[in-house]
Protein backbone atom coordinates (compact mmCIF):
# COMPACT_ATOMS: atom_id res chain seq x y z
CA UNK A 1 129.55 148.78 87.40
CA UNK A 2 129.51 150.65 90.57
CA UNK A 3 132.09 149.14 93.05
CA UNK A 4 129.92 149.04 95.66
CA UNK A 5 127.05 147.72 93.95
CA UNK A 6 129.31 144.83 92.60
CA UNK A 7 130.65 143.82 96.04
CA UNK A 8 126.80 143.91 97.23
CA UNK A 9 125.95 141.39 94.59
CA UNK A 10 129.14 139.05 95.37
CA UNK A 11 127.93 139.20 99.22
CA UNK A 12 124.12 137.98 97.85
CA UNK A 13 125.73 135.49 95.76
CA UNK A 14 127.71 134.01 98.55
CA UNK A 15 125.07 134.35 100.96
CA UNK A 16 122.75 132.08 98.50
CA UNK A 17 125.52 129.58 98.14
CA UNK A 18 125.60 129.32 101.70
CA UNK A 19 121.98 129.06 102.10
CA UNK A 20 121.90 126.19 99.52
CA UNK A 21 124.55 124.27 101.24
CA UNK A 22 123.04 124.84 104.79
CA UNK A 23 119.67 123.14 102.86
CA UNK A 24 121.88 120.47 101.41
CA UNK A 25 123.05 119.45 104.99
CA UNK A 26 119.79 119.06 106.54
CA UNK A 27 118.75 116.95 103.71
CA UNK A 28 121.61 114.38 104.30
CA UNK A 29 120.99 111.07 105.94
CA UNK A 30 124.14 108.94 107.17
CA UNK A 31 123.58 104.97 107.37
CA UNK A 32 127.04 103.92 108.21
CA UNK A 33 129.63 104.78 105.59
CA UNK A 34 126.48 105.39 103.10
CA UNK A 35 125.29 109.01 102.55
CA UNK A 36 121.92 109.79 101.29
CA UNK A 37 120.53 113.10 100.31
CA UNK A 38 116.98 113.99 100.07
CA UNK A 39 117.65 116.58 97.35
CA UNK A 40 117.38 117.65 93.40
CA UNK A 41 120.59 116.20 92.06
CA UNK A 42 121.61 119.42 90.61
CA UNK A 43 122.20 121.02 94.01
CA UNK A 44 123.86 118.29 95.78
CA UNK A 45 126.03 116.98 92.74
CA UNK A 46 128.45 120.42 92.66
CA UNK A 47 129.22 119.59 96.52
CA UNK A 48 130.41 115.91 95.64
CA UNK A 49 133.41 114.04 94.43
CA UNK A 50 135.82 111.03 94.57
CA UNK A 51 133.73 108.53 93.09
CA UNK A 52 134.56 105.34 91.10
CA UNK A 53 131.35 104.47 89.34
CA UNK A 54 128.25 106.38 88.68
CA UNK A 55 125.10 103.84 88.14
CA UNK A 56 122.02 105.41 88.01
CA UNK A 57 118.82 105.10 86.57
CA UNK A 58 116.97 108.78 85.67
CA UNK A 59 113.34 108.99 84.33
CA UNK A 60 113.08 107.59 80.85
CA UNK A 61 110.57 110.39 79.74
CA UNK A 62 109.18 107.31 77.72
CA UNK A 63 106.30 105.12 77.89
CA UNK A 64 104.33 106.12 74.82
CA UNK A 65 104.81 106.95 71.04
CA UNK A 66 102.79 110.58 71.32
CA UNK A 67 103.58 113.24 73.55
CA UNK A 68 100.37 113.31 75.05
CA UNK A 69 101.25 109.51 75.93
CA UNK A 70 104.44 110.45 77.54
CA UNK A 71 102.63 113.25 79.63
CA UNK A 72 100.83 110.62 81.62
CA UNK A 73 101.73 110.06 85.14
CA UNK A 74 104.43 107.27 85.40
CA UNK A 75 101.68 104.92 87.14
CA UNK A 76 99.95 105.10 84.06
CA UNK A 77 102.26 104.68 81.52
CA UNK A 78 104.87 101.94 83.49
CA UNK A 79 101.90 99.42 84.82
CA UNK A 80 100.28 96.50 83.45
CA UNK A 81 96.42 97.19 83.23
CA UNK A 82 94.81 95.70 86.13
CA UNK A 83 97.91 95.68 88.63
CA UNK A 84 96.81 96.20 92.19
CA UNK A 85 100.21 97.43 93.53
CA UNK A 86 100.56 100.93 93.80
CA UNK A 87 103.64 102.87 94.43
CA UNK A 88 104.47 106.71 94.64
CA UNK A 89 104.53 108.38 91.31
CA UNK A 90 107.56 110.89 90.49
CA UNK A 91 108.23 113.90 88.39
CA UNK A 92 110.61 114.66 85.40
CA UNK A 93 108.86 111.97 83.20
CA UNK A 94 107.72 114.05 80.71
CA UNK A 95 110.32 115.78 78.24
CA UNK A 96 110.68 115.55 74.83
CA UNK A 97 113.95 113.77 73.21
CA UNK A 98 115.49 117.49 72.89
CA UNK A 99 115.24 118.43 76.55
CA UNK A 100 115.82 114.97 77.76
CA UNK A 101 119.09 115.28 75.84
CA UNK A 102 119.84 118.73 77.34
CA UNK A 103 118.97 118.03 80.99
CA UNK A 104 121.00 114.76 81.14
CA UNK A 105 124.24 116.25 79.68
CA UNK A 106 124.10 118.85 82.49
CA UNK A 107 123.87 116.39 85.58
CA UNK A 108 126.07 113.95 83.47
CA UNK A 109 128.66 116.90 83.44
CA UNK A 110 128.90 117.23 86.92
CA UNK A 111 128.76 113.58 87.69
CA UNK A 112 131.90 113.60 85.38
CA UNK A 113 133.43 116.47 87.68
CA UNK A 114 132.58 114.11 90.48
CA UNK A 115 134.58 110.97 89.22
CA UNK A 116 137.87 110.22 89.04
CA UNK A 117 139.85 109.36 86.18
CA UNK A 118 139.19 105.95 84.77
CA UNK A 119 135.80 105.97 86.49
CA UNK A 120 132.61 104.77 84.66
CA UNK A 121 128.86 105.73 83.97
CA UNK A 122 126.43 103.30 83.67
CA UNK A 123 122.95 104.72 82.82
CA UNK A 124 119.49 102.96 82.01
CA UNK A 125 117.27 103.67 79.29
CA UNK A 126 114.83 102.18 77.14
CA UNK A 127 114.67 101.87 73.01
CA UNK A 128 112.76 105.22 72.50
CA UNK A 129 115.20 107.40 74.12
CA UNK A 130 118.64 105.39 73.85
CA UNK A 131 119.80 107.98 71.05
CA UNK A 132 119.32 110.87 73.80
CA UNK A 133 121.30 109.29 76.30
CA UNK A 134 124.08 108.11 74.22
CA UNK A 135 124.54 111.73 73.01
CA UNK A 136 123.73 113.39 76.37
CA UNK A 137 127.25 111.47 78.06
CA UNK A 138 129.02 112.56 75.03
CA UNK A 139 128.10 116.16 75.49
CA UNK A 140 128.71 115.86 79.37
CA UNK A 141 132.13 115.18 78.33
CA UNK A 142 132.51 111.24 78.85
CA UNK A 143 133.64 108.50 76.56
CA UNK A 144 130.97 106.65 75.00
CA UNK A 145 132.15 102.81 75.61
CA UNK A 146 128.73 101.21 74.10
CA UNK A 147 125.38 99.76 75.33
CA UNK A 148 124.85 96.47 77.68
CA UNK A 149 121.18 95.22 76.83
CA UNK A 150 119.61 94.11 80.05
CA UNK A 151 117.42 91.40 79.34
CA UNK A 152 114.20 91.15 81.56
CA UNK A 153 113.50 87.06 80.35
CA UNK A 154 110.41 85.85 78.97
CA UNK A 155 108.77 87.25 82.31
CA UNK A 156 108.53 90.75 80.82
CA UNK A 157 105.40 92.27 78.90
CA UNK A 158 104.33 90.24 75.76
CA UNK A 159 102.92 91.69 72.84
CA UNK A 160 100.73 89.10 70.93
CA UNK A 161 101.66 89.46 66.91
CA UNK A 162 104.78 91.36 67.97
CA UNK A 163 107.95 90.95 69.72
CA UNK A 164 108.16 90.95 73.81
CA UNK A 165 109.21 94.04 75.01
CA UNK A 166 112.05 92.37 77.03
CA UNK A 167 115.19 94.38 76.87
CA UNK A 168 116.04 97.78 78.25
CA UNK A 169 119.62 99.18 77.86
CA UNK A 170 122.74 100.51 80.03
CA UNK A 171 124.72 103.27 78.44
CA UNK A 172 128.29 102.79 79.47
CA UNK A 173 130.89 105.76 79.55
CA UNK A 174 134.32 106.35 80.99
CA UNK A 175 136.16 109.60 82.73
CA UNK A 176 138.96 109.17 80.14
CA UNK A 177 140.98 105.95 79.41
CA UNK A 178 140.30 102.60 81.36
CA UNK A 179 141.86 99.69 81.67
CA UNK A 180 140.21 96.74 79.80
CA UNK A 181 143.30 94.09 79.46
CA UNK A 182 144.38 91.20 81.89
CA UNK A 183 145.77 93.64 84.07
CA UNK A 184 142.16 95.40 84.64
CA UNK A 185 140.74 94.95 88.11
CA UNK A 186 137.85 92.59 87.68
CA UNK A 187 136.18 90.08 85.54
CA UNK A 188 135.72 88.97 81.88
CA UNK A 189 132.17 90.45 82.25
CA UNK A 190 129.24 89.19 79.71
CA UNK A 191 128.21 91.49 76.60
CA UNK A 192 124.79 91.60 78.33
CA UNK A 193 122.78 90.50 81.34
CA UNK A 194 119.49 88.56 81.88
CA UNK A 195 117.82 88.51 85.06
CA UNK A 196 113.89 89.22 85.65
CA UNK A 197 112.35 91.70 87.56
CA UNK A 198 111.05 90.05 90.58
CA UNK A 199 107.93 91.58 92.18
CA UNK A 200 108.68 91.12 95.86
CA UNK A 201 112.07 92.96 95.07
CA UNK A 202 110.52 95.96 93.38
CA UNK A 203 109.61 98.93 95.29
CA UNK A 204 109.71 101.75 92.77
CA UNK A 205 107.19 101.85 89.24
CA UNK A 206 110.39 101.60 87.69
CA UNK A 207 112.57 99.61 90.07
CA UNK A 208 115.29 97.26 89.27
CA UNK A 209 116.29 94.17 90.77
CA UNK A 210 119.12 94.18 93.37
CA UNK A 211 120.83 91.37 91.58
CA UNK A 212 121.05 93.31 88.32
CA UNK A 213 122.99 96.02 90.18
CA UNK A 214 125.11 93.40 91.73
CA UNK A 215 126.38 92.05 88.59
CA UNK A 216 127.11 95.39 87.37
CA UNK A 217 129.31 96.23 90.18
CA UNK A 218 130.56 92.83 90.11
CA UNK A 219 132.47 94.09 86.89
CA UNK A 220 135.52 95.91 88.68
CA UNK A 221 136.72 95.50 92.23
CA UNK A 222 138.12 99.07 91.76
CA UNK A 223 134.46 100.43 91.90
CA UNK A 224 134.58 100.95 95.57
CA UNK A 225 132.77 104.40 95.88
CA UNK A 226 129.41 104.49 93.89
CA UNK A 227 127.25 107.45 92.80
CA UNK A 228 123.44 107.23 91.95
CA UNK A 229 122.07 110.88 91.56
CA UNK A 230 118.53 109.43 90.99
CA UNK A 231 118.42 106.81 93.95
CA UNK A 232 115.08 106.24 93.76
CA UNK A 233 114.13 103.27 96.19
CA UNK A 234 117.72 102.85 96.85
CA UNK A 235 118.32 99.62 94.99
CA UNK A 236 122.07 100.70 93.81
CA UNK A 237 122.63 100.92 97.50
CA UNK A 238 121.27 97.99 98.62
CA UNK A 239 123.46 96.18 96.14
CA UNK A 240 126.56 98.38 97.30
CA UNK A 241 125.87 97.34 101.16
CA UNK A 242 125.98 93.77 99.82
CA UNK A 243 128.90 93.99 97.67
CA UNK A 244 130.97 96.07 100.37
CA UNK A 245 130.87 99.07 98.17
CA UNK A 246 130.35 102.93 99.55
CA UNK A 247 127.32 104.12 98.27
CA UNK A 248 126.07 108.04 97.95
CA UNK A 249 122.56 108.41 96.93
CA UNK A 250 120.29 111.31 95.69
CA UNK A 251 117.02 111.19 95.49
CA UNK A 252 114.56 114.42 95.30
CA UNK A 253 110.95 112.62 96.04
CA UNK A 254 110.48 112.24 99.77
CA UNK A 255 108.49 108.88 99.55
CA UNK A 256 110.95 107.35 97.70
CA UNK A 257 113.87 108.63 99.57
CA UNK A 258 112.22 107.29 103.21
CA UNK A 259 111.80 104.00 101.46
CA UNK A 260 115.59 103.97 100.24
CA UNK A 261 116.92 104.60 103.63
CA UNK A 262 114.76 101.91 104.92
CA UNK A 263 115.99 99.48 102.72
CA UNK A 264 119.62 100.72 102.77
CA UNK A 265 119.32 100.06 106.86
CA UNK A 266 117.62 97.05 106.34
CA UNK A 267 120.61 95.48 104.17
CA UNK A 268 122.89 96.88 106.63
CA UNK A 269 121.40 94.96 109.35
CA UNK A 270 121.35 91.61 107.21
CA UNK A 271 125.36 91.81 106.99
């Protein structure tokens, strides 16, 4: 290879990296100790580190038994027929299981790099793609620790002549070994979490309750610095504010990013 060409390519590469860093800096919003990025998490994650826990709710790429059904917009897949409330749609929710596994293993590996030894990953998913997330976290280098069911109670969607769809799952993993004996800084947490979806507390098509995120955070006192690379409407961030934890969130969709900023600001004022 020509030495001058190689040097030019290296300089071009440095320029691209610097431009991406400047773009990321422009996307950042600081709310007290909490940092929010309106960006693709694959752009932001390489610049971040020092987290105790990753708590996140990525696109499930679910909502149907066929590819055609999964390719529908989230507002079509995840809403009851006749629901009047409308929320912005979001992208990245139409991958098949293999591509979902590959994509998740990519960002999960970056999350692992950004998390301290002994830190934790908690990733939401439904029954259809549960195997994909279990595989992805291990491909990404995490130590898989099992699943925690989230029971949405009898308020969840019913199925006449079949079973109520009232459970989603939290795949748990750690960055290497973790203390789980009497000396651990936390509580004796239950093996499942039971809390309903509350309409007035839902600001995203697939939004989770703040109480659910608070219960996850309550598990350990040393989860002080929390990352959510798929922040959505900022529910994990609101829970962190209420629990006195420091939050870093990333959200690609500008409309949801604005909602998250407002909710986290409001939670700060309420403290």
